Amino acid sequence: FKPGAFQIAKQLHVPIIPVTFVNNFSLFSDP
């Protein structure tokens, strides 16, 4: 992961909600 979201969560003191997209890799392609 890139650190940006975690830096923002720490700075703003907000929770993180992990989200797993199980099959998006097969639904989308490189634009």
PDB file of all heavy atoms in Angstrom:
ATOM      1  N   PHE A   1       0.819  -1.203   0.000  1.00  0.00           N
ATOM      2  CA  PHE A   1       0.000   0.000   0.000  1.00  0.00           C
ATOM      3  C   PHE A   1       0.857   1.258   0.000  1.00  0.00           C
ATOM      4  O   PHE A   1       1.953   1.280   0.559  1.00  0.00           O
ATOM      5  CB  PHE A   1      -0.909   0.033   1.227  1.00  0.00           C
ATOM      6  CG  PHE A   1      -1.953  -1.046   1.242  1.00  0.00           C
ATOM      7  CD1 PHE A   1      -2.494  -1.458   2.435  1.00  0.00           C
ATOM      8  CD2 PHE A   1      -2.405  -1.642   0.085  1.00  0.00           C
ATOM      9  CE1 PHE A   1      -3.474  -2.442   2.477  1.00  0.00           C
ATOM     10  CE2 PHE A   1      -3.381  -2.621   0.107  1.00  0.00           C
ATOM     11  CZ  PHE A   1      -3.918  -3.022   1.314  1.00  0.00           C
ATOM     12  N   LYS A   2       0.320   2.297  -0.590  1.00  0.00           N
ATOM     13  CA  LYS A   2       0.947   3.613  -0.530  1.00  0.00           C
ATOM     14  C   LYS A   2       0.594   4.214   0.836  1.00  0.00           C
ATOM     15  O   LYS A   2      -0.450   3.916   1.401  1.00  0.00           O
ATOM     16  CB  LYS A   2       0.440   4.470  -1.681  1.00  0.00           C
ATOM     17  CG  LYS A   2       0.833   3.886  -3.028  1.00  0.00           C
ATOM     18  CD  LYS A   2       0.214   4.635  -4.168  1.00  0.00           C
ATOM     19  CE  LYS A   2       0.558   3.926  -5.486  1.00  0.00           C
ATOM     20  NZ  LYS A   2      -0.138   4.495  -6.613  1.00  0.00           N
ATOM     21  N   PRO A   3       1.451   5.079   1.375  1.00  0.00           N
ATOM     22  CA  PRO A   3       1.247   5.540   2.753  1.00  0.00           C
ATOM     23  C   PRO A   3       0.208   6.639   2.937  1.00  0.00           C
ATOM     24  O   PRO A   3      -0.211   6.910   4.056  1.00  0.00           O
ATOM     25  CB  PRO A   3       2.630   6.046   3.153  1.00  0.00           C
ATOM     26  CG  PRO A   3       3.251   6.479   1.863  1.00  0.00           C
ATOM     27  CD  PRO A   3       2.739   5.498   0.828  1.00  0.00           C
ATOM     28  N   GLY A   4      -0.237   7.278   1.881  1.00  0.00           N
ATOM     29  CA  GLY A   4      -1.079   8.474   1.996  1.00  0.00           C
ATOM     30  C   GLY A   4      -2.320   8.327   2.850  1.00  0.00           C
ATOM     31  O   GLY A   4      -2.589   9.154   3.732  1.00  0.00           O
ATOM     32  N   ALA A   5      -3.108   7.287   2.626  1.00  0.00           N
ATOM     33  CA  ALA A   5      -4.352   7.110   3.384  1.00  0.00           C
ATOM     34  C   ALA A   5      -4.066   6.920   4.872  1.00  0.00           C
ATOM     35  O   ALA A   5      -4.816   7.413   5.728  1.00  0.00           O
ATOM     36  CB  ALA A   5      -5.132   5.919   2.847  1.00  0.00           C
ATOM     37  N   PHE A   6      -2.984   6.249   5.181  1.00  0.00           N
ATOM     38  CA  PHE A   6      -2.638   5.984   6.577  1.00  0.00           C
ATOM     39  C   PHE A   6      -2.119   7.256   7.254  1.00  0.00           C
ATOM     40  O   PHE A   6      -2.412   7.504   8.423  1.00  0.00           O
ATOM     41  CB  PHE A   6      -1.624   4.843   6.665  1.00  0.00           C
ATOM     42  CG  PHE A   6      -2.133   3.602   5.983  1.00  0.00           C
ATOM     43  CD1 PHE A   6      -1.694   3.251   4.720  1.00  0.00           C
ATOM     44  CD2 PHE A   6      -3.114   2.819   6.579  1.00  0.00           C
ATOM     45  CE1 PHE A   6      -2.188   2.129   4.076  1.00  0.00           C
ATOM     46  CE2 PHE A   6      -3.629   1.699   5.948  1.00  0.00           C
ATOM     47  CZ  PHE A   6      -3.160   1.355   4.687  1.00  0.00           C
ATOM     48  N   GLN A   7      -1.371   8.057   6.510  1.00  0.00           N
ATOM     49  CA  GLN A   7      -0.908   9.339   7.041  1.00  0.00           C
ATOM     50  C   GLN A   7      -2.092  10.249   7.356  1.00  0.00           C
ATOM     51  O   GLN A   7      -2.146  10.872   8.420  1.00  0.00           O
ATOM     52  CB  GLN A   7       0.018  10.033   6.031  1.00  0.00           C
ATOM     53  CG  GLN A   7       1.339   9.340   5.853  1.00  0.00           C
ATOM     54  CD  GLN A   7       2.144   9.906   4.683  1.00  0.00           C
ATOM     55  OE1 GLN A   7       1.597  10.512   3.768  1.00  0.00           O
ATOM     56  NE2 GLN A   7       3.444   9.681   4.714  1.00  0.00           N
ATOM     57  N   ILE A   8      -3.062  10.294   6.449  1.00  0.00           N
ATOM     58  CA  ILE A   8      -4.246  11.138   6.653  1.00  0.00           C
ATOM     59  C   ILE A   8      -5.048  10.641   7.852  1.00  0.00           C
ATOM     60  O   ILE A   8      -5.495  11.434   8.689  1.00  0.00           O
ATOM     61  CB  ILE A   8      -5.103  11.178   5.371  1.00  0.00           C
ATOM     62  CG1 ILE A   8      -4.357  11.938   4.277  1.00  0.00           C
ATOM     63  CG2 ILE A   8      -6.470  11.802   5.646  1.00  0.00           C
ATOM     64  CD1 ILE A   8      -4.987  11.823   2.903  1.00  0.00           C
ATOM     65  N   ALA A   9      -5.243   9.328   7.958  1.00  0.00           N
ATOM     66  CA  ALA A   9      -6.003   8.771   9.080  1.00  0.00           C
ATOM     67  C   ALA A   9      -5.344   9.123  10.408  1.00  0.00           C
ATOM     68  O   ALA A   9      -6.028   9.483  11.374  1.00  0.00           O
ATOM     69  CB  ALA A   9      -6.136   7.260   8.932  1.00  0.00           C
ATOM     70  N   LYS A  10      -4.027   9.052  10.456  1.00  0.00           N
ATOM     71  CA  LYS A  10      -3.312   9.385  11.686  1.00  0.00           C
ATOM     72  C   LYS A  10      -3.421  10.879  11.995  1.00  0.00           C
ATOM     73  O   LYS A  10      -3.653  11.266  13.136  1.00  0.00           O
ATOM     74  CB  LYS A  10      -1.856   8.951  11.602  1.00  0.00           C
ATOM     75  CG  LYS A  10      -1.689   7.425  11.704  1.00  0.00           C
ATOM     76  CD  LYS A  10      -0.262   6.988  11.687  1.00  0.00           C
ATOM     77  CE  LYS A  10       0.445   7.195  12.979  1.00  0.00           C
ATOM     78  NZ  LYS A  10      -0.122   6.520  14.158  1.00  0.00           N
ATOM     79  N   GLN A  11      -3.254  11.718  10.974  1.00  0.00           N
ATOM     80  CA  GLN A  11      -3.320  13.170  11.184  1.00  0.00           C
ATOM     81  C   GLN A  11      -4.699  13.615  11.655  1.00  0.00           C
ATOM     82  O   GLN A  11      -4.823  14.482  12.513  1.00  0.00           O
ATOM     83  CB  GLN A  11      -2.979  13.920   9.896  1.00  0.00           C
ATOM     84  CG  GLN A  11      -1.517  13.939   9.552  1.00  0.00           C
ATOM     85  CD  GLN A  11      -1.264  14.640   8.219  1.00  0.00           C
ATOM     86  OE1 GLN A  11      -2.158  14.819   7.400  1.00  0.00           O
ATOM     87  NE2 GLN A  11      -0.020  15.028   8.003  1.00  0.00           N
ATOM     88  N   LEU A  12      -5.741  13.023  11.086  1.00  0.00           N
ATOM     89  CA  LEU A  12      -7.110  13.442  11.393  1.00  0.00           C
ATOM     90  C   LEU A  12      -7.744  12.625  12.519  1.00  0.00           C
ATOM     91  O   LEU A  12      -8.876  12.893  12.910  1.00  0.00           O
ATOM     92  CB  LEU A  12      -7.981  13.352  10.134  1.00  0.00           C
ATOM     93  CG  LEU A  12      -7.564  14.247   8.976  1.00  0.00           C
ATOM     94  CD1 LEU A  12      -8.470  14.035   7.776  1.00  0.00           C
ATOM     95  CD2 LEU A  12      -7.559  15.717   9.396  1.00  0.00           C
ATOM     96  N   HIS A  13      -7.022  11.612  13.003  1.00  0.00           N
ATOM     97  CA  HIS A  13      -7.519  10.741  14.083  1.00  0.00           C
ATOM     98  C   HIS A  13      -8.886  10.146  13.715  1.00  0.00           C
ATOM     99  O   HIS A  13      -9.878  10.322  14.425  1.00  0.00           O
ATOM    100  CB  HIS A  13      -7.591  11.503  15.411  1.00  0.00           C
ATOM    101  CG  HIS A  13      -6.284  12.119  15.789  1.00  0.00           C
ATOM    102  ND1 HIS A  13      -5.224  11.379  16.267  1.00  0.00           N
ATOM    103  CD2 HIS A  13      -5.844  13.398  15.712  1.00  0.00           C
ATOM    104  CE1 HIS A  13      -4.201  12.171  16.491  1.00  0.00           C
ATOM    105  NE2 HIS A  13      -4.549  13.401  16.162  1.00  0.00           N
ATOM    106  N   VAL A  14      -8.896   9.446  12.587  1.00  0.00           N
ATOM    107  CA  VAL A  14     -10.118   8.781  12.117  1.00  0.00           C
ATOM    108  C   VAL A  14      -9.840   7.284  11.962  1.00  0.00           C
ATOM    109  O   VAL A  14      -8.705   6.862  11.756  1.00  0.00           O
ATOM    110  CB  VAL A  14     -10.626   9.365  10.774  1.00  0.00           C
ATOM    111  CG1 VAL A  14     -11.050  10.814  10.950  1.00  0.00           C
ATOM    112  CG2 VAL A  14      -9.581   9.242   9.686  1.00  0.00           C
ATOM    113  N   PRO A  15     -10.878   6.463  12.054  1.00  0.00           N
ATOM    114  CA  PRO A  15     -10.690   5.019  11.869  1.00  0.00           C
ATOM    115  C   PRO A  15     -10.432   4.696  10.399  1.00  0.00           C
ATOM    116  O   PRO A  15     -10.699   5.509   9.510  1.00  0.00           O
ATOM    117  CB  PRO A  15     -12.019   4.423  12.334  1.00  0.00           C
ATOM    118  CG  PRO A  15     -13.007   5.520  12.160  1.00  0.00           C
ATOM    119  CD  PRO A  15     -12.263   6.803  12.366  1.00  0.00           C
ATOM    120  N   ILE A  16      -9.924   3.502  10.159  1.00  0.00           N
ATOM    121  CA  ILE A  16      -9.717   3.011   8.793  1.00  0.00           C
ATOM    122  C   ILE A  16     -10.671   1.844   8.596  1.00  0.00           C
ATOM    123  O   ILE A  16     -10.774   0.967   9.463  1.00  0.00           O
ATOM    124  CB  ILE A  16      -8.262   2.554   8.584  1.00  0.00           C
ATOM    125  CG1 ILE A  16      -7.331   3.765   8.641  1.00  0.00           C
ATOM    126  CG2 ILE A  16      -8.103   1.803   7.263  1.00  0.00           C
ATOM    127  CD1 ILE A  16      -5.870   3.422   8.587  1.00  0.00           C
ATOM    128  N   ILE A  17     -11.356   1.838   7.473  1.00  0.00           N
ATOM    129  CA  ILE A  17     -12.252   0.735   7.154  1.00  0.00           C
ATOM    130  C   ILE A  17     -11.673  -0.013   5.956  1.00  0.00           C
ATOM    131  O   ILE A  17     -11.765   0.457   4.822  1.00  0.00           O
ATOM    132  CB  ILE A  17     -13.678   1.233   6.847  1.00  0.00           C
ATOM    133  CG1 ILE A  17     -14.219   1.989   8.061  1.00  0.00           C
ATOM    134  CG2 ILE A  17     -14.579   0.059   6.472  1.00  0.00           C
ATOM    135  CD1 ILE A  17     -15.554   2.637   7.859  1.00  0.00           C
ATOM    136  N   PRO A  18     -11.059  -1.171   6.204  1.00  0.00           N
ATOM    137  CA  PRO A  18     -10.520  -1.958   5.091  1.00  0.00           C
ATOM    138  C   PRO A  18     -11.664  -2.516   4.236  1.00  0.00           C
ATOM    139  O   PRO A  18     -12.697  -2.935   4.755  1.00  0.00           O
ATOM    140  CB  PRO A  18      -9.754  -3.092   5.775  1.00  0.00           C
ATOM    141  CG  PRO A  18      -9.552  -2.643   7.179  1.00  0.00           C
ATOM    142  CD  PRO A  18     -10.717  -1.755   7.493  1.00  0.00           C
ATOM    143  N   VAL A  19     -11.462  -2.492   2.934  1.00  0.00           N
ATOM    144  CA  VAL A  19     -12.452  -3.006   1.989  1.00  0.00           C
ATOM    145  C   VAL A  19     -11.728  -3.948   1.030  1.00  0.00           C
ATOM    146  O   VAL A  19     -10.693  -3.594   0.470  1.00  0.00           O
ATOM    147  CB  VAL A  19     -13.128  -1.863   1.207  1.00  0.00           C
ATOM    148  CG1 VAL A  19     -14.117  -2.402   0.191  1.00  0.00           C
ATOM    149  CG2 VAL A  19     -13.813  -0.887   2.152  1.00  0.00           C
ATOM    150  N   THR A  20     -12.279  -5.151   0.850  1.00  0.00           N
ATOM    151  CA  THR A  20     -11.711  -6.130  -0.070  1.00  0.00           C
ATOM    152  C   THR A  20     -12.629  -6.268  -1.274  1.00  0.00           C
ATOM    153  O   THR A  20     -13.807  -6.573  -1.123  1.00  0.00           O
ATOM    154  CB  THR A  20     -11.577  -7.519   0.596  1.00  0.00           C
ATOM    155  OG1 THR A  20     -10.781  -7.392   1.764  1.00  0.00           O
ATOM    156  CG2 THR A  20     -10.925  -8.521  -0.350  1.00  0.00           C
ATOM    157  N   PHE A  21     -12.088  -6.007  -2.447  1.00  0.00           N
ATOM    158  CA  PHE A  21     -12.794  -6.247  -3.703  1.00  0.00           C
ATOM    159  C   PHE A  21     -12.251  -7.562  -4.248  1.00  0.00           C
ATOM    160  O   PHE A  21     -11.125  -7.618  -4.740  1.00  0.00           O
ATOM    161  CB  PHE A  21     -12.547  -5.102  -4.689  1.00  0.00           C
ATOM    162  CG  PHE A  21     -13.138  -3.799  -4.228  1.00  0.00           C
ATOM    163  CD1 PHE A  21     -12.385  -2.897  -3.505  1.00  0.00           C
ATOM    164  CD2 PHE A  21     -14.459  -3.485  -4.518  1.00  0.00           C
ATOM    165  CE1 PHE A  21     -12.927  -1.697  -3.073  1.00  0.00           C
ATOM    166  CE2 PHE A  21     -15.014  -2.290  -4.091  1.00  0.00           C
ATOM    167  CZ  PHE A  21     -14.242  -1.396  -3.367  1.00  0.00           C
ATOM    168  N   VAL A  22     -13.039  -8.600  -4.148  1.00  0.00           N
ATOM    169  CA  VAL A  22     -12.572  -9.953  -4.431  1.00  0.00           C
ATOM    170  C   VAL A  22     -12.324 -10.195  -5.915  1.00  0.00           C
ATOM    171  O   VAL A  22     -11.354 -10.855  -6.282  1.00  0.00           O
ATOM    172  CB  VAL A  22     -13.577 -10.993  -3.882  1.00  0.00           C
ATOM    173  CG1 VAL A  22     -13.201 -12.400  -4.277  1.00  0.00           C
ATOM    174  CG2 VAL A  22     -13.669 -10.866  -2.373  1.00  0.00           C
ATOM    175  N   ASN A  23     -13.163  -9.697  -6.784  1.00  0.00           N
ATOM    176  CA  ASN A  23     -13.048 -10.053  -8.200  1.00  0.00           C
ATOM    177  C   ASN A  23     -12.956  -8.861  -9.148  1.00  0.00           C
ATOM    178  O   ASN A  23     -13.114  -9.028 -10.356  1.00  0.00           O
ATOM    179  CB  ASN A  23     -14.230 -10.940  -8.603  1.00  0.00           C
ATOM    180  CG  ASN A  23     -15.568 -10.235  -8.460  1.00  0.00           C
ATOM    181  OD1 ASN A  23     -15.711  -9.315  -7.658  1.00  0.00           O
ATOM    182  ND2 ASN A  23     -16.544 -10.666  -9.226  1.00  0.00           N
ATOM    183  N   ASN A  24     -12.673  -7.677  -8.650  1.00  0.00           N
ATOM    184  CA  ASN A  24     -12.586  -6.524  -9.548  1.00  0.00           C
ATOM    185  C   ASN A  24     -11.489  -6.682 -10.600  1.00  0.00           C
ATOM    186  O   ASN A  24     -11.604  -6.166 -11.704  1.00  0.00           O
ATOM    187  CB  ASN A  24     -12.356  -5.241  -8.764  1.00  0.00           C
ATOM    188  CG  ASN A  24     -13.645  -4.649  -8.259  1.00  0.00           C
ATOM    189  OD1 ASN A  24     -14.703  -5.284  -8.323  1.00  0.00           O
ATOM    190  ND2 ASN A  24     -13.584  -3.447  -7.740  1.00  0.00           N
ATOM    191  N   PHE A  25     -10.438  -7.408 -10.261  1.00  0.00           N
ATOM    192  CA  PHE A  25      -9.345  -7.599 -11.213  1.00  0.00           C
ATOM    193  C   PHE A  25      -9.834  -8.280 -12.489  1.00  0.00           C
ATOM    194  O   PHE A  25      -9.277  -8.092 -13.565  1.00  0.00           O
ATOM    195  CB  PHE A  25      -8.193  -8.403 -10.584  1.00  0.00           C
ATOM    196  CG  PHE A  25      -8.504  -9.871 -10.425  1.00  0.00           C
ATOM    197  CD1 PHE A  25      -8.048 -10.783 -11.358  1.00  0.00           C
ATOM    198  CD2 PHE A  25      -9.255 -10.325  -9.355  1.00  0.00           C
ATOM    199  CE1 PHE A  25      -8.337 -12.130 -11.222  1.00  0.00           C
ATOM    200  CE2 PHE A  25      -9.541 -11.658  -9.201  1.00  0.00           C
ATOM    201  CZ  PHE A  25      -9.090 -12.568 -10.143  1.00  0.00           C
ATOM    202  N   SER A  26     -10.909  -9.072 -12.391  1.00  0.00           N
ATOM    203  CA  SER A  26     -11.423  -9.764 -13.578  1.00  0.00           C
ATOM    204  C   SER A  26     -12.533  -8.972 -14.278  1.00  0.00           C
ATOM    205  O   SER A  26     -12.912  -9.304 -15.400  1.00  0.00           O
ATOM    206  CB  SER A  26     -11.939 -11.153 -13.204  1.00  0.00           C
ATOM    207  OG  SER A  26     -13.054 -11.055 -12.343  1.00  0.00           O
ATOM    208  N   LEU A  27     -13.046  -7.948 -13.622  1.00  0.00           N
ATOM    209  CA  LEU A  27     -14.113  -7.142 -14.223  1.00  0.00           C
ATOM    210  C   LEU A  27     -13.582  -5.919 -14.956  1.00  0.00           C
ATOM    211  O   LEU A  27     -14.213  -5.426 -15.885  1.00  0.00           O
ATOM    212  CB  LEU A  27     -15.106  -6.686 -13.143  1.00  0.00           C
ATOM    213  CG  LEU A  27     -15.846  -7.785 -12.389  1.00  0.00           C
ATOM    214  CD1 LEU A  27     -16.695  -7.177 -11.286  1.00  0.00           C
ATOM    215  CD2 LEU A  27     -16.693  -8.611 -13.334  1.00  0.00           C
ATOM    216  N   PHE A  28     -12.445  -5.404 -14.498  1.00  0.00           N
ATOM    217  CA  PHE A  28     -11.892  -4.181 -15.067  1.00  0.00           C
ATOM    218  C   PHE A  28     -10.593  -4.469 -15.797  1.00  0.00           C
ATOM    219  O   PHE A  28      -9.928  -5.459 -15.534  1.00  0.00           O
ATOM    220  CB  PHE A  28     -11.638  -3.151 -13.957  1.00  0.00           C
ATOM    221  CG  PHE A  28     -12.884  -2.744 -13.239  1.00  0.00           C
ATOM    222  CD1 PHE A  28     -13.206  -3.295 -12.014  1.00  0.00           C
ATOM    223  CD2 PHE A  28     -13.758  -1.832 -13.805  1.00  0.00           C
ATOM    224  CE1 PHE A  28     -14.366  -2.930 -11.345  1.00  0.00           C
ATOM    225  CE2 PHE A  28     -14.919  -1.465 -13.153  1.00  0.00           C
ATOM    226  CZ  PHE A  28     -15.226  -2.012 -11.919  1.00  0.00           C
ATOM    227  N   SER A  29     -10.245  -3.578 -16.699  1.00  0.00           N
ATOM    228  CA  SER A  29      -8.964  -3.698 -17.385  1.00  0.00           C
ATOM    229  C   SER A  29      -8.300  -2.337 -17.390  1.00  0.00           C
ATOM    230  O   SER A  29      -8.906  -1.324 -17.053  1.00  0.00           O
ATOM    231  CB  SER A  29      -9.162  -4.212 -18.813  1.00  0.00           C
ATOM    232  OG  SER A  29      -9.957  -3.320 -19.563  1.00  0.00           O
ATOM    233  N   ASP A  30      -7.063  -2.313 -17.785  1.00  0.00           N
ATOM    234  CA  ASP A  30      -6.299  -1.074 -17.859  1.00  0.00           C
ATOM    235  C   ASP A  30      -6.999  -0.128 -18.834  1.00  0.00           C
ATOM    236  O   ASP A  30      -7.300  -0.513 -19.963  1.00  0.00           O
ATOM    237  CB  ASP A  30      -4.879  -1.386 -18.333  1.00  0.00           C
ATOM    238  CG  ASP A  30      -3.945  -0.204 -18.155  1.00  0.00           C
ATOM    239  OD1 ASP A  30      -4.377   0.936 -18.412  1.00  0.00           O
ATOM    240  OD2 ASP A  30      -2.794  -0.422 -17.766  1.00  0.00           O
ATOM    241  N   PRO A  31      -7.272   1.116 -18.419  1.00  0.00           N
ATOM    242  CA  PRO A  31      -7.987   2.037 -19.311  1.00  0.00           C
ATOM    243  C   PRO A  31      -7.230   2.364 -20.601  1.00  0.00           C
ATOM    244  O   PRO A  31      -7.829   2.866 -21.554  1.00  0.00           O
ATOM    245  CB  PRO A  31      -8.192   3.289 -18.463  1.00  0.00           C
ATOM    246  CG  PRO A  31      -7.430   3.099 -17.220  1.00  0.00           C
ATOM    247  CD  PRO A  31      -7.002   1.673 -17.123  1.00  0.00           C
TER     248      PRO A  31
END
